[in-house]
Amino acid sequence: MKYLNLKGNISQNIFTHLDVRKLFPEEKPATIRAQLFRFARRNLLTQIKRGLYCFDLTQIDELELAHHLYPLSYVSLETALNYYGMLPDIPAVVTSITTTTTKNVSCAFGRYSFVKIKKELYWGYLPVLLPHGNGYFPLAEKEKALLDFFYIRKVKQVRDLRLNLSDMNMARYRHYAKQFPPWVETIHL
């Protein structure tokens, strides 16, 4: 496998070792690993973590990276609320929801938190395409992000929170709230 073949066959900036193996099935896995290591050593690509690579560090979107760090997750809580302009504070950690183990990841691109939620509450997210059209990340809908925030952070009152709820679909919020434990549904906005 030559670098130009790799670059020509992978359209996304962030990719995995498995992505490369699928594109070059005739190559042995050990050969692919060795080639990726050599390409990284020559600064043709960057290894983000074991098995995860990117071509251009300047094109990494932190929300897309969250999806690659923990594929079975979607961006939610403070990160999604800030993305939508509902929470003015910029979170120091990108927070995502998962049904597997709660986990914190720190890397050169920032800090990431993956919070476990019940499988029955793992829904209400949509894929968001990146501006350059070269990737996506799953993001909670506004109403689901707010409910996830209340549920995970155990928020009982919104009085002291600086939330901008002007663009909220209240009918959707009430519908979604019925899926959560009763105490979440009783939070008054």
N, C-alpha and C. Protein backbone atom coordinates (compact mmCIF):
# COMPACT_ATOMS: atom_id res chain seq x y z
N MET A 1 0.85 -1.18 0.00
CA MET A 1 0.00 0.00 0.00
C MET A 1 0.89 1.24 0.00
N LYS A 2 0.63 2.10 -0.94
CA LYS A 2 1.38 3.35 -1.03
C LYS A 2 0.53 4.48 -0.46
N TYR A 3 1.21 5.53 -0.01
CA TYR A 3 0.50 6.64 0.63
C TYR A 3 -0.54 7.27 -0.31
N LEU A 4 -0.18 7.47 -1.57
CA LEU A 4 -1.12 8.09 -2.51
C LEU A 4 -2.35 7.21 -2.73
N ASN A 5 -2.17 5.89 -2.70
CA ASN A 5 -3.32 4.98 -2.79
C ASN A 5 -4.23 5.15 -1.58
N LEU A 6 -3.60 5.23 -0.41
CA LEU A 6 -4.37 5.41 0.83
C LEU A 6 -5.13 6.73 0.78
N LYS A 7 -4.44 7.79 0.47
CA LYS A 7 -5.05 9.13 0.42
C LYS A 7 -6.15 9.20 -0.64
N GLY A 8 -5.95 8.53 -1.74
CA GLY A 8 -6.94 8.53 -2.81
C GLY A 8 -8.19 7.71 -2.51
N ASN A 9 -8.05 6.71 -1.65
CA ASN A 9 -9.17 5.83 -1.35
C ASN A 9 -9.97 6.22 -0.11
N ILE A 10 -9.38 7.02 0.77
CA ILE A 10 -10.08 7.43 1.99
C ILE A 10 -10.46 8.90 1.84
N SER A 11 -11.76 9.14 1.85
CA SER A 11 -12.24 10.51 1.64
C SER A 11 -12.34 11.31 2.94
N GLN A 12 -12.43 10.61 4.08
CA GLN A 12 -12.57 11.31 5.35
C GLN A 12 -11.21 11.64 5.94
N ASN A 13 -11.16 12.71 6.72
CA ASN A 13 -9.92 13.11 7.37
C ASN A 13 -9.54 12.14 8.49
N ILE A 14 -10.53 11.70 9.27
CA ILE A 14 -10.29 10.77 10.37
C ILE A 14 -10.68 9.36 9.90
N PHE A 15 -9.81 8.41 10.17
CA PHE A 15 -10.10 7.04 9.73
C PHE A 15 -9.45 6.05 10.70
N THR A 16 -9.89 4.81 10.60
CA THR A 16 -9.37 3.77 11.49
C THR A 16 -8.53 2.76 10.72
N HIS A 17 -7.82 1.98 11.48
CA HIS A 17 -7.05 0.87 10.91
C HIS A 17 -7.99 -0.07 10.16
N LEU A 18 -9.17 -0.30 10.72
CA LEU A 18 -10.16 -1.18 10.10
C LEU A 18 -10.63 -0.63 8.75
N ASP A 19 -10.80 0.70 8.66
CA ASP A 19 -11.17 1.32 7.38
C ASP A 19 -10.14 0.98 6.31
N VAL A 20 -8.87 1.05 6.67
CA VAL A 20 -7.79 0.77 5.72
C VAL A 20 -7.80 -0.71 5.35
N ARG A 21 -8.01 -1.57 6.31
CA ARG A 21 -8.06 -3.01 6.02
C ARG A 21 -9.17 -3.35 5.04
N LYS A 22 -10.32 -2.68 5.17
CA LYS A 22 -11.43 -2.93 4.24
C LYS A 22 -11.07 -2.48 2.82
N LEU A 23 -10.32 -1.41 2.70
CA LEU A 23 -9.97 -0.89 1.38
C LEU A 23 -8.83 -1.67 0.71
N PHE A 24 -8.01 -2.30 1.53
CA PHE A 24 -6.87 -3.05 1.01
C PHE A 24 -6.89 -4.47 1.56
N PRO A 25 -7.89 -5.27 1.16
CA PRO A 25 -8.03 -6.63 1.73
C PRO A 25 -6.88 -7.57 1.35
N GLU A 26 -6.16 -7.23 0.29
CA GLU A 26 -5.05 -8.11 -0.13
C GLU A 26 -3.83 -7.94 0.78
N GLU A 27 -3.78 -6.85 1.53
CA GLU A 27 -2.66 -6.59 2.43
C GLU A 27 -2.88 -7.31 3.77
N LYS A 28 -1.80 -7.78 4.36
CA LYS A 28 -1.88 -8.39 5.68
C LYS A 28 -2.08 -7.30 6.74
N PRO A 29 -2.84 -7.58 7.81
CA PRO A 29 -3.05 -6.58 8.86
C PRO A 29 -1.75 -6.04 9.45
N ALA A 30 -0.76 -6.90 9.62
CA ALA A 30 0.53 -6.46 10.17
C ALA A 30 1.22 -5.49 9.21
N THR A 31 1.10 -5.74 7.92
CA THR A 31 1.70 -4.86 6.91
C THR A 31 1.02 -3.48 6.94
N ILE A 32 -0.29 -3.50 7.06
CA ILE A 32 -1.04 -2.23 7.13
C ILE A 32 -0.63 -1.44 8.36
N ARG A 33 -0.53 -2.11 9.50
CA ARG A 33 -0.11 -1.42 10.73
C ARG A 33 1.28 -0.82 10.56
N ALA A 34 2.18 -1.57 9.96
CA ALA A 34 3.55 -1.09 9.75
C ALA A 34 3.56 0.12 8.82
N GLN A 35 2.78 0.05 7.74
CA GLN A 35 2.72 1.17 6.81
C GLN A 35 2.14 2.43 7.47
N LEU A 36 1.07 2.26 8.23
CA LEU A 36 0.48 3.41 8.92
C LEU A 36 1.48 4.02 9.90
N PHE A 37 2.22 3.17 10.59
CA PHE A 37 3.26 3.65 11.51
C PHE A 37 4.31 4.46 10.75
N ARG A 38 4.73 3.95 9.60
CA ARG A 38 5.74 4.66 8.80
C ARG A 38 5.21 5.99 8.28
N PHE A 39 3.96 5.99 7.81
CA PHE A 39 3.36 7.24 7.32
C PHE A 39 3.27 8.27 8.44
N ALA A 40 2.94 7.81 9.64
CA ALA A 40 2.85 8.73 10.79
C ALA A 40 4.24 9.26 11.15
N ARG A 41 5.24 8.39 11.11
CA ARG A 41 6.61 8.81 11.43
C ARG A 41 7.13 9.84 10.42
N ARG A 42 6.66 9.74 9.18
CA ARG A 42 7.07 10.70 8.14
C ARG A 42 6.14 11.92 8.10
N ASN A 43 5.25 12.03 9.07
CA ASN A 43 4.29 13.15 9.18
C ASN A 43 3.35 13.26 7.99
N LEU A 44 3.04 12.15 7.36
CA LEU A 44 2.06 12.13 6.28
C LEU A 44 0.65 11.98 6.84
N LEU A 45 0.58 11.45 8.05
CA LEU A 45 -0.68 11.35 8.79
C LEU A 45 -0.34 11.37 10.27
N THR A 46 -1.36 11.49 11.10
CA THR A 46 -1.16 11.56 12.55
C THR A 46 -1.95 10.46 13.23
N GLN A 47 -1.31 9.78 14.16
CA GLN A 47 -2.01 8.78 14.96
C GLN A 47 -2.62 9.51 16.15
N ILE A 48 -3.95 9.48 16.24
CA ILE A 48 -4.67 10.13 17.33
C ILE A 48 -4.63 9.24 18.57
N LYS A 49 -4.91 7.99 18.37
CA LYS A 49 -4.78 6.95 19.39
C LYS A 49 -4.57 5.65 18.64
N ARG A 50 -4.38 4.59 19.36
CA ARG A 50 -4.14 3.30 18.72
C ARG A 50 -5.29 2.96 17.77
N GLY A 51 -4.96 2.78 16.50
CA GLY A 51 -5.94 2.39 15.50
C GLY A 51 -6.75 3.53 14.91
N LEU A 52 -6.49 4.77 15.33
CA LEU A 52 -7.25 5.94 14.85
C LEU A 52 -6.27 6.98 14.32
N TYR A 53 -6.51 7.42 13.09
CA TYR A 53 -5.58 8.30 12.39
C TYR A 53 -6.31 9.48 11.74
N CYS A 54 -5.53 10.49 11.36
CA CYS A 54 -6.08 11.59 10.56
C CYS A 54 -5.01 12.08 9.59
N PHE A 55 -5.48 12.66 8.50
CA PHE A 55 -4.56 13.22 7.51
C PHE A 55 -4.14 14.64 7.88
N ASP A 56 -5.08 15.47 8.31
CA ASP A 56 -4.82 16.88 8.54
C ASP A 56 -5.31 17.30 9.93
N LEU A 57 -4.37 17.60 10.81
CA LEU A 57 -4.72 17.99 12.18
C LEU A 57 -5.57 19.26 12.23
N THR A 58 -5.36 20.14 11.27
CA THR A 58 -6.09 21.41 11.30
C THR A 58 -7.56 21.24 10.91
N GLN A 59 -7.90 20.10 10.34
CA GLN A 59 -9.27 19.86 9.91
C GLN A 59 -10.09 19.01 10.89
N ILE A 60 -9.53 18.74 12.06
CA ILE A 60 -10.24 17.90 13.03
C ILE A 60 -11.32 18.72 13.72
N ASP A 61 -12.52 18.19 13.70
CA ASP A 61 -13.64 18.78 14.42
C ASP A 61 -13.77 18.01 15.73
N GLU A 62 -13.78 18.72 16.86
CA GLU A 62 -13.78 18.04 18.15
C GLU A 62 -15.03 17.18 18.37
N LEU A 63 -16.16 17.57 17.78
CA LEU A 63 -17.38 16.79 17.95
C LEU A 63 -17.33 15.52 17.09
N GLU A 64 -16.76 15.62 15.91
CA GLU A 64 -16.57 14.43 15.08
C GLU A 64 -15.59 13.48 15.76
N LEU A 65 -14.55 14.03 16.35
CA LEU A 65 -13.56 13.20 17.02
C LEU A 65 -14.19 12.44 18.19
N ALA A 66 -15.13 13.05 18.89
CA ALA A 66 -15.82 12.36 19.99
C ALA A 66 -16.48 11.09 19.47
N HIS A 67 -17.10 11.19 18.31
CA HIS A 67 -17.75 10.02 17.71
C HIS A 67 -16.74 8.93 17.36
N HIS A 68 -15.56 9.32 16.92
CA HIS A 68 -14.53 8.33 16.56
C HIS A 68 -13.86 7.74 17.79
N LEU A 69 -13.75 8.52 18.85
CA LEU A 69 -13.13 8.00 20.07
C LEU A 69 -13.99 6.93 20.73
N TYR A 70 -15.31 7.10 20.62
CA TYR A 70 -16.27 6.18 21.24
C TYR A 70 -17.44 6.07 20.28
N PRO A 71 -17.35 5.22 19.27
CA PRO A 71 -18.34 5.20 18.18
C PRO A 71 -19.80 5.04 18.60
N LEU A 72 -20.09 4.30 19.64
CA LEU A 72 -21.48 4.10 20.05
C LEU A 72 -21.87 5.18 21.05
N SER A 73 -21.86 6.43 20.59
CA SER A 73 -22.20 7.56 21.45
C SER A 73 -22.75 8.70 20.60
N TYR A 74 -23.42 9.64 21.26
CA TYR A 74 -23.85 10.86 20.60
C TYR A 74 -23.56 12.05 21.51
N VAL A 75 -23.23 13.19 20.93
CA VAL A 75 -22.90 14.39 21.68
C VAL A 75 -24.16 14.93 22.33
N SER A 76 -24.08 15.26 23.62
CA SER A 76 -25.25 15.75 24.34
C SER A 76 -24.82 16.62 25.51
N LEU A 77 -25.71 16.81 26.46
CA LEU A 77 -25.50 17.57 27.69
C LEU A 77 -25.00 18.99 27.39
N GLU A 78 -24.05 19.48 28.17
CA GLU A 78 -23.58 20.87 28.03
C GLU A 78 -23.02 21.16 26.64
N THR A 79 -22.36 20.17 26.05
CA THR A 79 -21.76 20.38 24.73
C THR A 79 -22.84 20.65 23.68
N ALA A 80 -23.89 19.84 23.66
CA ALA A 80 -24.98 20.04 22.70
C ALA A 80 -25.75 21.33 23.01
N LEU A 81 -25.98 21.60 24.28
CA LEU A 81 -26.71 22.82 24.66
C LEU A 81 -25.94 24.06 24.22
N ASN A 82 -24.62 24.03 24.35
CA ASN A 82 -23.81 25.15 23.87
C ASN A 82 -23.82 25.22 22.34
N TYR A 83 -23.76 24.10 21.68
CA TYR A 83 -23.80 24.04 20.22
C TYR A 83 -25.06 24.72 19.69
N TYR A 84 -26.18 24.49 20.36
CA TYR A 84 -27.46 25.07 19.95
C TYR A 84 -27.66 26.51 20.43
N GLY A 85 -26.73 27.02 21.23
CA GLY A 85 -26.88 28.38 21.76
C GLY A 85 -27.83 28.46 22.94
N MET A 86 -28.12 27.33 23.54
CA MET A 86 -29.03 27.30 24.69
C MET A 86 -28.30 27.54 26.00
N LEU A 87 -27.02 27.31 26.02
CA LEU A 87 -26.19 27.50 27.20
C LEU A 87 -24.99 28.34 26.78
N PRO A 88 -24.80 29.53 27.38
CA PRO A 88 -23.74 30.42 26.91
C PRO A 88 -22.33 29.97 27.27
N ASP A 89 -22.18 29.16 28.29
CA ASP A 89 -20.86 28.74 28.73
C ASP A 89 -20.27 27.69 27.80
N ILE A 90 -19.03 27.90 27.43
CA ILE A 90 -18.34 26.92 26.58
C ILE A 90 -17.79 25.82 27.48
N PRO A 91 -18.25 24.60 27.30
CA PRO A 91 -17.78 23.52 28.17
C PRO A 91 -16.31 23.19 27.93
N ALA A 92 -15.61 22.87 29.00
CA ALA A 92 -14.20 22.49 28.91
C ALA A 92 -14.03 21.06 28.42
N VAL A 93 -15.11 20.29 28.51
CA VAL A 93 -15.08 18.87 28.14
C VAL A 93 -16.20 18.62 27.13
N VAL A 94 -15.91 17.86 26.09
CA VAL A 94 -16.94 17.43 25.14
C VAL A 94 -17.62 16.21 25.77
N THR A 95 -18.93 16.34 25.99
CA THR A 95 -19.66 15.27 26.67
C THR A 95 -20.59 14.55 25.71
N SER A 96 -20.52 13.23 25.75
CA SER A 96 -21.36 12.38 24.92
C SER A 96 -22.07 11.35 25.79
N ILE A 97 -23.15 10.81 25.23
CA ILE A 97 -23.95 9.79 25.89
C ILE A 97 -23.65 8.45 25.23
N THR A 98 -23.59 7.39 26.05
CA THR A 98 -23.36 6.04 25.56
C THR A 98 -24.16 5.06 26.41
N THR A 99 -24.34 3.86 25.91
CA THR A 99 -24.99 2.82 26.73
C THR A 99 -23.96 1.87 27.32
N THR A 100 -22.71 2.07 26.98
CA THR A 100 -21.66 1.22 27.52
C THR A 100 -21.02 1.92 28.72
N THR A 101 -19.79 1.66 28.97
CA THR A 101 -19.10 2.15 30.16
C THR A 101 -18.85 3.66 30.14
N THR A 102 -19.06 4.30 31.29
CA THR A 102 -18.67 5.70 31.45
C THR A 102 -17.15 5.77 31.36
N LYS A 103 -16.66 6.77 30.63
CA LYS A 103 -15.22 6.82 30.36
C LYS A 103 -14.81 8.27 30.11
N ASN A 104 -13.62 8.64 30.56
CA ASN A 104 -13.05 9.95 30.26
C ASN A 104 -11.79 9.74 29.43
N VAL A 105 -11.64 10.56 28.39
CA VAL A 105 -10.50 10.45 27.49
C VAL A 105 -9.86 11.83 27.36
N SER A 106 -8.56 11.88 27.53
CA SER A 106 -7.81 13.10 27.28
C SER A 106 -6.82 12.83 26.17
N CYS A 107 -6.76 13.74 25.22
CA CYS A 107 -5.80 13.59 24.13
C CYS A 107 -5.33 14.99 23.73
N ALA A 108 -4.52 15.06 22.73
CA ALA A 108 -3.97 16.34 22.29
C ALA A 108 -5.06 17.30 21.79
N PHE A 109 -6.23 16.77 21.50
CA PHE A 109 -7.31 17.58 20.94
C PHE A 109 -8.33 18.02 21.97
N GLY A 110 -8.15 17.62 23.21
CA GLY A 110 -9.07 18.05 24.26
C GLY A 110 -9.46 16.92 25.19
N ARG A 111 -10.44 17.25 26.03
CA ARG A 111 -10.94 16.26 27.00
C ARG A 111 -12.34 15.85 26.58
N TYR A 112 -12.61 14.56 26.73
CA TYR A 112 -13.88 13.98 26.32
C TYR A 112 -14.43 13.14 27.46
N SER A 113 -15.73 13.26 27.67
CA SER A 113 -16.41 12.47 28.69
C SER A 113 -17.54 11.71 28.02
N PHE A 114 -17.60 10.42 28.28
CA PHE A 114 -18.65 9.56 27.75
C PHE A 114 -19.42 9.02 28.94
N VAL A 115 -20.69 9.39 29.03
CA VAL A 115 -21.51 9.09 30.20
C VAL A 115 -22.54 8.03 29.84
N LYS A 116 -22.62 7.02 30.69
CA LYS A 116 -23.55 5.91 30.46
C LYS A 116 -24.98 6.33 30.80
N ILE A 117 -25.91 5.89 29.94
CA ILE A 117 -27.33 6.11 30.16
C ILE A 117 -28.05 4.78 29.91
N LYS A 118 -29.23 4.65 30.46
CA LYS A 118 -30.01 3.43 30.23
C LYS A 118 -30.30 3.26 28.74
N LYS A 119 -30.33 2.02 28.29
CA LYS A 119 -30.60 1.76 26.87
C LYS A 119 -31.93 2.34 26.43
N GLU A 120 -32.92 2.36 27.33
CA GLU A 120 -34.24 2.89 26.99
C GLU A 120 -34.20 4.40 26.70
N LEU A 121 -33.15 5.08 27.15
CA LEU A 121 -33.04 6.53 26.95
C LEU A 121 -32.02 6.89 25.87
N TYR A 122 -31.51 5.90 25.17
CA TYR A 122 -30.52 6.14 24.11
C TYR A 122 -31.23 6.34 22.78
N TRP A 123 -31.68 7.56 22.53
CA TRP A 123 -32.40 7.92 21.31
C TRP A 123 -32.43 9.46 21.23
N GLY A 124 -33.06 10.00 20.22
CA GLY A 124 -33.21 11.45 20.12
C GLY A 124 -31.99 12.18 19.61
N TYR A 125 -31.26 11.58 18.70
CA TYR A 125 -30.09 12.24 18.12
C TYR A 125 -30.13 12.10 16.60
N LEU A 126 -29.44 13.02 15.94
CA LEU A 126 -29.40 13.05 14.48
C LEU A 126 -27.97 13.22 14.00
N PRO A 127 -27.64 12.73 12.80
CA PRO A 127 -26.30 12.98 12.27
C PRO A 127 -26.18 14.42 11.78
N VAL A 128 -25.09 15.07 12.13
CA VAL A 128 -24.81 16.43 11.68
C VAL A 128 -23.61 16.36 10.74
N LEU A 129 -23.81 16.78 9.50
CA LEU A 129 -22.71 16.77 8.53
C LEU A 129 -21.76 17.92 8.84
N LEU A 130 -20.48 17.66 8.67
CA LEU A 130 -19.48 18.70 8.87
C LEU A 130 -19.53 19.69 7.72
N PRO A 131 -19.13 20.93 7.95
CA PRO A 131 -19.21 21.96 6.91
C PRO A 131 -18.50 21.59 5.61
N HIS A 132 -17.38 20.90 5.71
CA HIS A 132 -16.65 20.52 4.50
C HIS A 132 -17.23 19.26 3.85
N GLY A 133 -18.31 18.70 4.45
CA GLY A 133 -19.00 17.55 3.87
C GLY A 133 -18.20 16.27 3.91
N ASN A 134 -17.22 16.22 4.79
CA ASN A 134 -16.30 15.09 4.81
C ASN A 134 -16.35 14.37 6.15
N GLY A 135 -17.55 14.10 6.63
CA GLY A 135 -17.72 13.43 7.90
C GLY A 135 -18.95 13.94 8.61
N TYR A 136 -19.24 13.34 9.75
CA TYR A 136 -20.41 13.72 10.53
C TYR A 136 -20.20 13.34 11.98
N PHE A 137 -21.12 13.80 12.82
CA PHE A 137 -21.15 13.35 14.20
C PHE A 137 -22.60 13.30 14.65
N PRO A 138 -22.96 12.35 15.51
CA PRO A 138 -24.33 12.27 16.02
C PRO A 138 -24.50 13.29 17.16
N LEU A 139 -25.58 14.07 17.09
CA LEU A 139 -25.84 15.13 18.06
C LEU A 139 -27.26 15.01 18.57
N ALA A 140 -27.44 15.12 19.88
CA ALA A 140 -28.77 15.07 20.47
C ALA A 140 -29.60 16.23 19.96
N GLU A 141 -30.89 15.99 19.75
CA GLU A 141 -31.80 17.09 19.45
C GLU A 141 -31.83 18.02 20.66
N LYS A 142 -32.23 19.27 20.45
CA LYS A 142 -32.24 20.25 21.54
C LYS A 142 -32.98 19.75 22.76
N GLU A 143 -34.17 19.26 22.53
CA GLU A 143 -35.02 18.83 23.63
C GLU A 143 -34.43 17.63 24.36
N LYS A 144 -33.85 16.71 23.61
CA LYS A 144 -33.24 15.52 24.22
C LYS A 144 -31.97 15.90 24.98
N ALA A 145 -31.19 16.82 24.43
CA ALA A 145 -29.98 17.27 25.12
C ALA A 145 -30.33 17.89 26.47
N LEU A 146 -31.39 18.68 26.50
CA LEU A 146 -31.81 19.31 27.76
C LEU A 146 -32.28 18.25 28.76
N LEU A 147 -33.05 17.29 28.30
CA LEU A 147 -33.51 16.22 29.19
C LEU A 147 -32.35 15.34 29.66
N ASP A 148 -31.42 15.04 28.77
CA ASP A 148 -30.23 14.29 29.18
C ASP A 148 -29.47 15.06 30.27
N PHE A 149 -29.36 16.38 30.07
CA PHE A 149 -28.67 17.25 31.03
C PHE A 149 -29.36 17.17 32.39
N PHE A 150 -30.67 17.33 32.43
CA PHE A 150 -31.42 17.26 33.68
C PHE A 150 -31.22 15.89 34.34
N TYR A 151 -31.34 14.84 33.55
CA TYR A 151 -31.28 13.47 34.07
C TYR A 151 -29.88 13.11 34.58
N ILE A 152 -28.86 13.33 33.78
CA ILE A 152 -27.50 12.93 34.14
C ILE A 152 -26.94 13.82 35.25
N ARG A 153 -27.18 15.12 35.18
CA ARG A 153 -26.64 16.06 36.17
C ARG A 153 -27.54 16.20 37.39
N LYS A 154 -28.65 15.48 37.39
CA LYS A 154 -29.61 15.49 38.52
C LYS A 154 -30.10 16.91 38.84
N VAL A 155 -30.41 17.66 37.80
CA VAL A 155 -30.91 19.02 37.95
C VAL A 155 -32.37 18.96 38.38
N LYS A 156 -32.71 19.69 39.42
CA LYS A 156 -34.09 19.71 39.92
C LYS A 156 -34.79 21.03 39.59
N GLN A 157 -34.00 22.12 39.46
CA GLN A 157 -34.56 23.43 39.17
C GLN A 157 -33.73 24.10 38.09
N VAL A 158 -34.38 24.88 37.25
CA VAL A 158 -33.67 25.57 36.17
C VAL A 158 -33.48 27.06 36.47
N ARG A 159 -33.96 27.50 37.62
CA ARG A 159 -33.95 28.91 37.97
C ARG A 159 -32.56 29.54 37.86
N ASP A 160 -31.53 28.88 38.37
CA ASP A 160 -30.19 29.46 38.38
C ASP A 160 -29.37 29.16 37.12
N LEU A 161 -29.92 28.35 36.25
CA LEU A 161 -29.22 28.04 35.00
C LEU A 161 -29.49 29.15 33.99
N ARG A 162 -28.49 29.49 33.21
CA ARG A 162 -28.65 30.54 32.20
C ARG A 162 -29.02 29.90 30.86
N LEU A 163 -30.20 29.32 30.82
CA LEU A 163 -30.66 28.63 29.63
C LEU A 163 -31.46 29.55 28.72
N ASN A 164 -31.20 29.46 27.43
CA ASN A 164 -31.99 30.17 26.43
C ASN A 164 -32.91 29.14 25.79
N LEU A 165 -34.18 29.19 26.16
CA LEU A 165 -35.14 28.19 25.69
C LEU A 165 -36.06 28.74 24.60
N SER A 166 -35.69 29.85 23.98
CA SER A 166 -36.57 30.50 23.01
C SER A 166 -36.84 29.65 21.77
N ASP A 167 -35.90 28.81 21.35
CA ASP A 167 -36.09 27.99 20.14
C ASP A 167 -36.52 26.56 20.45
N MET A 168 -36.92 26.32 21.68
CA MET A 168 -37.32 24.96 22.07
C MET A 168 -38.70 24.62 21.52
N ASN A 169 -38.83 23.40 21.08
CA ASN A 169 -40.13 22.86 20.68
C ASN A 169 -40.73 22.24 21.94
N MET A 170 -41.59 22.98 22.59
CA MET A 170 -42.12 22.54 23.89
C MET A 170 -42.97 21.28 23.77
N ALA A 171 -43.69 21.12 22.68
CA ALA A 171 -44.49 19.91 22.49
C ALA A 171 -43.57 18.69 22.42
N ARG A 172 -42.46 18.80 21.69
CA ARG A 172 -41.50 17.70 21.59
C ARG A 172 -40.84 17.46 22.96
N TYR A 173 -40.51 18.54 23.65
CA TYR A 173 -39.91 18.42 24.98
C TYR A 173 -40.82 17.61 25.92
N ARG A 174 -42.09 17.99 25.97
CA ARG A 174 -43.04 17.29 26.85
C ARG A 174 -43.20 15.82 26.43
N HIS A 175 -43.25 15.58 25.13
CA HIS A 175 -43.36 14.20 24.64
C HIS A 175 -42.12 13.38 25.05
N TYR A 176 -40.93 13.94 24.85
CA TYR A 176 -39.70 13.25 25.21
C TYR A 176 -39.60 13.05 26.73
N ALA A 177 -40.04 14.05 27.49
CA ALA A 177 -39.93 13.98 28.96
C ALA A 177 -40.71 12.80 29.53
N LYS A 178 -41.77 12.39 28.84
CA LYS A 178 -42.57 11.25 29.31
C LYS A 178 -41.79 9.94 29.31
N GLN A 179 -40.71 9.89 28.53
CA GLN A 179 -39.88 8.69 28.45
C GLN A 179 -38.89 8.59 29.61
N PHE A 180 -38.69 9.71 30.32
CA PHE A 180 -37.74 9.78 31.43
C PHE A 180 -38.43 9.46 32.75
N PRO A 181 -37.67 9.23 33.81
CA PRO A 181 -38.29 9.01 35.12
C PRO A 181 -39.19 10.20 35.50
N PRO A 182 -40.21 9.96 36.30
CA PRO A 182 -41.19 11.00 36.64
C PRO A 182 -40.59 12.29 37.20
N TRP A 183 -39.51 12.21 37.97
CA TRP A 183 -38.96 13.42 38.55
C TRP A 183 -38.43 14.37 37.47
N VAL A 184 -37.97 13.83 36.34
CA VAL A 184 -37.47 14.68 35.25
C VAL A 184 -38.63 15.39 34.59
N GLU A 185 -39.74 14.69 34.43
CA GLU A 185 -40.92 15.27 33.80
C GLU A 185 -41.50 16.42 34.60
N THR A 186 -41.27 16.44 35.91
CA THR A 186 -41.85 17.49 36.76
C THR A 186 -41.01 18.77 36.80
N ILE A 187 -39.85 18.80 36.16
CA ILE A 187 -39.03 20.02 36.14
C ILE A 187 -39.74 21.08 35.33
N HIS A 188 -39.95 22.23 35.91
CA HIS A 188 -40.67 23.33 35.24
C HIS A 188 -39.69 24.24 34.52
N LEU A 189 -39.97 24.48 33.27
CA LEU A 189 -39.12 25.37 32.46
C LEU A 189 -39.62 26.79 32.52
